[in-house]
Amino acid sequence: MDEVICGGCYCGAIRYEITGEIEQSLVCHYPDCRRITGAQSVGYIFLRLGDFKITKGKPAKFDSSPGVV
């Protein structure tokens, strides 16, 4: 993949780059995902860790459920 995908949070405090292929995408309707985001569903993508880089800021950690951070 030659394209770089850039994104981040709405306020601009966190920015990221994806430089590799997106291996899988899905939409989750699990109640915890819906409650935490305040949405009817949440989109996720899966990619290799080395293809993802935070370029600005430091994301916060959140214990959403037992064993999940």
C-alpha atoms as a PDB file:
ATOM      1  CA  MET A   1       0.000   0.000   0.000  1.00  0.00           C
ATOM      2  CA  ASP A   2       1.499   3.327  -1.060  1.00  0.00           C
ATOM      3  CA  GLU A   3      -1.252   5.420   0.477  1.00  0.00           C
ATOM      4  CA  VAL A   4      -0.965   6.786   4.017  1.00  0.00           C
ATOM      5  CA  ILE A   5      -4.244   7.089   5.917  1.00  0.00           C
ATOM      6  CA  CYS A   6      -4.234   9.876   8.504  1.00  0.00           C
ATOM      7  CA  GLY A   7      -6.835  10.473  11.192  1.00  0.00           C
ATOM      8  CA  GLY A   8      -7.464  11.328  14.789  1.00  0.00           C
ATOM      9  CA  CYS A   9      -9.966  12.513  17.327  1.00  0.00           C
ATOM     10  CA  TYR A  10     -12.365  15.380  16.674  1.00  0.00           C
ATOM     11  CA  CYS A  11     -10.574  17.842  18.977  1.00  0.00           C
ATOM     12  CA  GLY A  12      -7.217  17.169  17.302  1.00  0.00           C
ATOM     13  CA  ALA A  13      -5.367  16.103  20.478  1.00  0.00           C
ATOM     14  CA  ILE A  14      -4.649  12.631  19.029  1.00  0.00           C
ATOM     15  CA  ARG A  15      -3.433  12.047  15.458  1.00  0.00           C
ATOM     16  CA  TYR A  16      -2.383   8.790  13.783  1.00  0.00           C
ATOM     17  CA  GLU A  17      -1.099   7.315  10.509  1.00  0.00           C
ATOM     18  CA  ILE A  18      -1.794   3.932   8.920  1.00  0.00           C
ATOM     19  CA  THR A  19       0.774   2.859   6.328  1.00  0.00           C
ATOM     20  CA  GLY A  20      -0.164  -0.787   5.682  1.00  0.00           C
ATOM     21  CA  GLU A  21      -3.097  -2.800   4.436  1.00  0.00           C
ATOM     22  CA  ILE A  22      -6.283  -2.956   6.481  1.00  0.00           C
ATOM     23  CA  GLU A  23      -6.697  -6.692   7.019  1.00  0.00           C
ATOM     24  CA  GLN A  24     -10.298  -6.748   8.241  1.00  0.00           C
ATOM     25  CA  SER A  25     -13.108  -4.393   9.155  1.00  0.00           C
ATOM     26  CA  LEU A  26     -16.295  -4.993  11.112  1.00  0.00           C
ATOM     27  CA  VAL A  27     -19.225  -3.292  12.770  1.00  0.00           C
ATOM     28  CA  CYS A  28     -19.935  -4.176  16.403  1.00  0.00           C
ATOM     29  CA  HIS A  29     -23.409  -4.061  17.947  1.00  0.00           C
ATOM     30  CA  TYR A  30     -22.286  -5.342  21.367  1.00  0.00           C
ATOM     31  CA  PRO A  31     -24.064  -3.415  24.176  1.00  0.00           C
ATOM     32  CA  ASP A  32     -20.808  -2.274  25.860  1.00  0.00           C
ATOM     33  CA  CYS A  33     -19.446  -0.840  22.600  1.00  0.00           C
ATOM     34  CA  ARG A  34     -22.732   0.956  21.958  1.00  0.00           C
ATOM     35  CA  ARG A  35     -22.942   2.332  25.512  1.00  0.00           C
ATOM     36  CA  ILE A  36     -19.346   3.596  25.615  1.00  0.00           C
ATOM     37  CA  THR A  37     -19.605   5.415  22.274  1.00  0.00           C
ATOM     38  CA  GLY A  38     -23.226   6.487  22.510  1.00  0.00           C
ATOM     39  CA  ALA A  39     -23.868   5.037  19.061  1.00  0.00           C
ATOM     40  CA  GLN A  40     -26.044   2.276  17.634  1.00  0.00           C
ATOM     41  CA  SER A  41     -22.910   0.483  16.354  1.00  0.00           C
ATOM     42  CA  VAL A  42     -19.125   0.924  16.230  1.00  0.00           C
ATOM     43  CA  GLY A  43     -16.782   0.347  13.274  1.00  0.00           C
ATOM     44  CA  TYR A  44     -13.417  -1.360  13.834  1.00  0.00           C
ATOM     45  CA  ILE A  45     -10.444  -2.130  11.595  1.00  0.00           C
ATOM     46  CA  PHE A  46      -7.660  -4.676  12.052  1.00  0.00           C
ATOM     47  CA  LEU A  47      -4.108  -4.087  10.819  1.00  0.00           C
ATOM     48  CA  ARG A  48      -0.551  -4.978  11.729  1.00  0.00           C
ATOM     49  CA  LEU A  49       0.695  -3.076  14.791  1.00  0.00           C
ATOM     50  CA  GLY A  50       3.786  -1.896  12.889  1.00  0.00           C
ATOM     51  CA  ASP A  51       1.533  -0.239  10.291  1.00  0.00           C
ATOM     52  CA  PHE A  52      -0.077   2.054  12.900  1.00  0.00           C
ATOM     53  CA  LYS A  53       1.648   5.046  14.480  1.00  0.00           C
ATOM     54  CA  ILE A  54       0.429   7.758  16.858  1.00  0.00           C
ATOM     55  CA  THR A  55       1.879  11.010  15.497  1.00  0.00           C
ATOM     56  CA  LYS A  56       0.469  13.422  18.105  1.00  0.00           C
ATOM     57  CA  GLY A  57      -0.710  13.067  21.703  1.00  0.00           C
ATOM     58  CA  LYS A  58      -1.075  10.103  24.016  1.00  0.00           C
ATOM     59  CA  PRO A  59      -4.352   8.142  24.152  1.00  0.00           C
ATOM     60  CA  ALA A  60      -5.936   7.514  27.552  1.00  0.00           C
ATOM     61  CA  LYS A  61      -6.587   4.001  28.850  1.00  0.00           C
ATOM     62  CA  PHE A  62     -10.034   2.860  29.941  1.00  0.00           C
ATOM     63  CA  ASP A  63     -10.967  -0.388  31.716  1.00  0.00           C
ATOM     64  CA  SER A  64     -14.164  -1.162  29.812  1.00  0.00           C
ATOM     65  CA  SER A  65     -14.780  -4.636  31.240  1.00  0.00           C
ATOM     66  CA  PRO A  66     -12.844  -7.318  33.141  1.00  0.00           C
ATOM     67  CA  GLY A  67      -9.620  -8.097  31.276  1.00  0.00           C
ATOM     68  CA  VAL A  68     -10.191  -5.427  28.626  1.00  0.00           C
ATOM     69  CA  VAL A  69      -8.301  -2.111  28.591  1.00  0.00           C
END
